Structure formats: structure tokens, C-alpha cells
Amino acid sequence: MAYLLHRYVSPQSLVTQALQRISGLGKHQSLQLCDELGLSPNIRVAEVSSEDWERLEQLITTYYHTGQDMHRRRVEAIKRLISMGTYRGFRHVAHLPVRGQRTHTNSKSRRRSPRVTSS
């Protein structure tokens, strides 16, 4: 059984696929990490030594924002837009599409989504 950043990784899976299961890491980042460590992208998790595994965890925590840290940074960025009073911040507050999509015929689910308020 292998764990990487508190997430179970199947020993039969490829290292690049196992890295992509961590939120915040995609295909490009997983290939970069393998290249940095000198691992082949086609190597299995079970074939990686424990020293390489520890170096991999250290590289991820040092250079990438993953999991809750990534989510926290995203929420802070949205709050910053709202506090500055930008157009994008207003769109977030109004639960409307933020990136210029039309609302006349599309984005009904975004406009109608139930809003849970905490009290």
C-alpha cells in the first residue's frame, strides 16, 4: 500500500497517473516531477524506491499548491476580487458566469443553482 500526501495510490498504477490523482497536479506537472527525479514516466508505483518517494513528496510540497492549500488560495483570490469591487467579483457574488459567457440561453444551472447560506 502506497500513500502520497495522505492519498492512497495503487501500486499497479503508473507514477504519472498516480500523481494526477492528487488535486492540483496534472499531466504536465507529473511529467515534470518524473523528469526532475530521473524516473521514467512508464514506471509503476511499486517499482519506485522509498528514497525517491520521499524526494517526490518533498518536491510536491515545496513547489506545488495541492489539496486544501490550492482551494484556500482560490477562495482568497475570489474574496480579493469581491473586496476590490471588480466586475468579476460582482459576477461571483451574483452567481453568474464570470468569464464572459452569455446568459440569455445558456448557464441556467449556474443561475438556478441552490444557494446554501450559513447562519
C-alpha atoms as a PDB file:
ATOM      1  CA  MET A   1       0.000   0.000   0.000  1.00  0.00           C
ATOM      2  CA  ALA A   2       1.409   3.369  -1.007  1.00  0.00           C
ATOM      3  CA  TYR A   3       0.321   6.771   0.187  1.00  0.00           C
ATOM      4  CA  LEU A   4       1.305  10.073  -1.338  1.00  0.00           C
ATOM      5  CA  LEU A   5       0.292  13.239   0.514  1.00  0.00           C
ATOM      6  CA  HIS A   6      -2.365  11.369   2.526  1.00  0.00           C
ATOM      7  CA  ARG A   7      -3.908   9.859  -0.590  1.00  0.00           C
ATOM      8  CA  TYR A   8      -3.923   6.147  -1.428  1.00  0.00           C
ATOM      9  CA  VAL A   9      -2.108   5.249  -4.618  1.00  0.00           C
ATOM     10  CA  SER A  10      -2.478   1.854  -6.262  1.00  0.00           C
ATOM     11  CA  PRO A  11       0.897   0.045  -6.566  1.00  0.00           C
ATOM     12  CA  GLN A  12      -0.004  -1.212 -10.064  1.00  0.00           C
ATOM     13  CA  SER A  13      -0.674   2.259 -11.494  1.00  0.00           C
ATOM     14  CA  LEU A  14       1.870   4.309 -13.382  1.00  0.00           C
ATOM     15  CA  VAL A  15       3.652   7.032 -11.440  1.00  0.00           C
ATOM     16  CA  THR A  16       2.342   9.776 -13.733  1.00  0.00           C
ATOM     17  CA  GLN A  17      -1.253   8.590 -13.303  1.00  0.00           C
ATOM     18  CA  ALA A  18      -0.807   8.306  -9.544  1.00  0.00           C
ATOM     19  CA  LEU A  19       0.466  11.883  -9.375  1.00  0.00           C
ATOM     20  CA  GLN A  20      -2.515  13.114 -11.400  1.00  0.00           C
ATOM     21  CA  ARG A  21      -4.867  11.761  -8.717  1.00  0.00           C
ATOM     22  CA  ILE A  22      -3.595  14.473  -6.370  1.00  0.00           C
ATOM     23  CA  SER A  23      -5.675  17.614  -6.762  1.00  0.00           C
ATOM     24  CA  GLY A  24      -3.549  20.412  -8.149  1.00  0.00           C
ATOM     25  CA  LEU A  25      -1.267  18.196 -10.227  1.00  0.00           C
ATOM     26  CA  GLY A  26      -1.985  17.483 -13.873  1.00  0.00           C
ATOM     27  CA  LYS A  27      -0.281  15.608 -16.651  1.00  0.00           C
ATOM     28  CA  HIS A  28       2.326  18.288 -17.320  1.00  0.00           C
ATOM     29  CA  GLN A  29       3.283  18.634 -13.642  1.00  0.00           C
ATOM     30  CA  SER A  30       3.522  14.871 -13.165  1.00  0.00           C
ATOM     31  CA  LEU A  31       5.830  14.569 -16.171  1.00  0.00           C
ATOM     32  CA  GLN A  32       7.948  17.434 -14.819  1.00  0.00           C
ATOM     33  CA  LEU A  33       8.273  15.696 -11.451  1.00  0.00           C
ATOM     34  CA  CYS A  34       9.284  12.412 -13.068  1.00  0.00           C
ATOM     35  CA  ASP A  35      11.874  14.229 -15.178  1.00  0.00           C
ATOM     36  CA  GLU A  36      13.224  16.058 -12.117  1.00  0.00           C
ATOM     37  CA  LEU A  37      13.720  12.784 -10.246  1.00  0.00           C
ATOM     38  CA  GLY A  38      15.033  10.916 -13.270  1.00  0.00           C
ATOM     39  CA  LEU A  39      12.124   8.457 -13.263  1.00  0.00           C
ATOM     40  CA  SER A  40      10.642   7.007 -16.405  1.00  0.00           C
ATOM     41  CA  PRO A  41       7.000   8.053 -16.915  1.00  0.00           C
ATOM     42  CA  ASN A  42       6.182   4.381 -17.614  1.00  0.00           C
ATOM     43  CA  ILE A  43       7.420   3.091 -14.244  1.00  0.00           C
ATOM     44  CA  ARG A  44       4.935   1.578 -11.778  1.00  0.00           C
ATOM     45  CA  VAL A  45       4.429   2.880  -8.252  1.00  0.00           C
ATOM     46  CA  ALA A  46       5.597  -0.432  -6.763  1.00  0.00           C
ATOM     47  CA  GLU A  47       8.957  -0.065  -8.547  1.00  0.00           C
ATOM     48  CA  VAL A  48       9.763   3.360  -7.050  1.00  0.00           C
ATOM     49  CA  SER A  49      12.224   3.247  -4.160  1.00  0.00           C
ATOM     50  CA  SER A  50      11.302   4.738  -0.798  1.00  0.00           C
ATOM     51  CA  GLU A  51      14.022   7.397  -1.138  1.00  0.00           C
ATOM     52  CA  ASP A  52      12.607   8.538  -4.478  1.00  0.00           C
ATOM     53  CA  TRP A  53       9.114   8.501  -2.971  1.00  0.00           C
ATOM     54  CA  GLU A  54      10.233  10.811  -0.145  1.00  0.00           C
ATOM     55  CA  ARG A  55      12.010  13.135  -2.587  1.00  0.00           C
ATOM     56  CA  LEU A  56       8.849  13.201  -4.685  1.00  0.00           C
ATOM     57  CA  GLU A  57       6.729  14.217  -1.696  1.00  0.00           C
ATOM     58  CA  GLN A  58       9.266  16.894  -0.777  1.00  0.00           C
ATOM     59  CA  LEU A  59       9.249  18.335  -4.316  1.00  0.00           C
ATOM     60  CA  ILE A  60       5.454  18.436  -4.405  1.00  0.00           C
ATOM     61  CA  THR A  61       5.119  20.185  -1.041  1.00  0.00           C
ATOM     62  CA  THR A  62       7.892  22.653  -1.918  1.00  0.00           C
ATOM     63  CA  TYR A  63       6.926  23.725  -5.440  1.00  0.00           C
ATOM     64  CA  TYR A  64       3.203  22.989  -5.918  1.00  0.00           C
ATOM     65  CA  HIS A  65      -0.028  24.033  -4.237  1.00  0.00           C
ATOM     66  CA  THR A  66      -2.189  20.971  -3.722  1.00  0.00           C
ATOM     67  CA  GLY A  67      -5.363  19.972  -1.904  1.00  0.00           C
ATOM     68  CA  GLN A  68      -6.647  22.364   0.731  1.00  0.00           C
ATOM     69  CA  ASP A  69      -3.872  24.882   0.080  1.00  0.00           C
ATOM     70  CA  MET A  70      -4.948  25.187  -3.555  1.00  0.00           C
ATOM     71  CA  HIS A  71      -8.607  25.551  -2.548  1.00  0.00           C
ATOM     72  CA  ARG A  72      -7.755  28.171   0.082  1.00  0.00           C
ATOM     73  CA  ARG A  73      -5.768  30.252  -2.432  1.00  0.00           C
ATOM     74  CA  ARG A  74      -8.667  30.115  -4.907  1.00  0.00           C
ATOM     75  CA  VAL A  75     -11.183  31.277  -2.289  1.00  0.00           C
ATOM     76  CA  GLU A  76      -8.843  34.098  -1.210  1.00  0.00           C
ATOM     77  CA  ALA A  77      -8.482  35.232  -4.818  1.00  0.00           C
ATOM     78  CA  ILE A  78     -12.270  35.377  -5.221  1.00  0.00           C
ATOM     79  CA  LYS A  79     -12.646  37.287  -1.939  1.00  0.00           C
ATOM     80  CA  ARG A  80      -9.986  39.743  -3.118  1.00  0.00           C
ATOM     81  CA  LEU A  81     -11.919  40.373  -6.341  1.00  0.00           C
ATOM     82  CA  ILE A  82     -15.123  40.927  -4.366  1.00  0.00           C
ATOM     83  CA  SER A  83     -13.489  43.317  -1.870  1.00  0.00           C
ATOM     84  CA  MET A  84     -11.934  45.403  -4.666  1.00  0.00           C
ATOM     85  CA  GLY A  85     -15.342  45.749  -6.297  1.00  0.00           C
ATOM     86  CA  THR A  86     -14.312  44.425  -9.685  1.00  0.00           C
ATOM     87  CA  TYR A  87     -16.721  43.255 -12.341  1.00  0.00           C
ATOM     88  CA  ARG A  88     -15.559  39.663 -11.893  1.00  0.00           C
ATOM     89  CA  GLY A  89     -16.158  39.962  -8.152  1.00  0.00           C
ATOM     90  CA  PHE A  90     -19.689  41.179  -8.780  1.00  0.00           C
ATOM     91  CA  ARG A  91     -20.330  38.228 -11.100  1.00  0.00           C
ATOM     92  CA  HIS A  92     -19.164  35.836  -8.363  1.00  0.00           C
ATOM     93  CA  VAL A  93     -21.477  37.457  -5.812  1.00  0.00           C
ATOM     94  CA  ALA A  94     -24.447  37.388  -8.201  1.00  0.00           C
ATOM     95  CA  HIS A  95     -23.819  33.688  -9.074  1.00  0.00           C
ATOM     96  CA  LEU A  96     -23.454  34.487 -12.754  1.00  0.00           C
ATOM     97  CA  PRO A  97     -20.860  33.273 -15.263  1.00  0.00           C
ATOM     98  CA  VAL A  98     -17.598  35.103 -14.668  1.00  0.00           C
ATOM     99  CA  ARG A  99     -15.645  34.671 -17.897  1.00  0.00           C
ATOM    100  CA  GLY A 100     -17.853  36.380 -20.447  1.00  0.00           C
ATOM    101  CA  GLN A 101     -20.273  33.565 -21.285  1.00  0.00           C
ATOM    102  CA  ARG A 102     -23.743  34.518 -22.443  1.00  0.00           C
ATOM    103  CA  THR A 103     -26.671  34.125 -20.055  1.00  0.00           C
ATOM    104  CA  HIS A 104     -29.652  34.548 -22.368  1.00  0.00           C
ATOM    105  CA  THR A 105     -29.778  30.925 -23.497  1.00  0.00           C
ATOM    106  CA  ASN A 106     -27.002  29.224 -21.515  1.00  0.00           C
ATOM    107  CA  SER A 107     -25.833  28.896 -17.898  1.00  0.00           C
ATOM    108  CA  LYS A 108     -29.277  28.175 -16.495  1.00  0.00           C
ATOM    109  CA  SER A 109     -27.817  25.766 -13.970  1.00  0.00           C
ATOM    110  CA  ARG A 110     -25.332  28.395 -12.762  1.00  0.00           C
ATOM    111  CA  ARG A 111     -28.121  30.934 -12.283  1.00  0.00           C
ATOM    112  CA  ARG A 112     -30.588  28.480 -10.741  1.00  0.00           C
ATOM    113  CA  SER A 113     -28.221  26.533  -8.510  1.00  0.00           C
ATOM    114  CA  PRO A 114     -29.403  26.351  -4.905  1.00  0.00           C
ATOM    115  CA  ARG A 115     -27.610  28.797  -2.691  1.00  0.00           C
ATOM    116  CA  VAL A 116     -26.756  27.415   0.703  1.00  0.00           C
ATOM    117  CA  THR A 117     -26.437  30.115   3.299  1.00  0.00           C
ATOM    118  CA  SER A 118     -24.693  29.540   6.574  1.00  0.00           C
ATOM    119  CA  SER A 119     -26.299  31.101   9.590  1.00  0.00           C
END
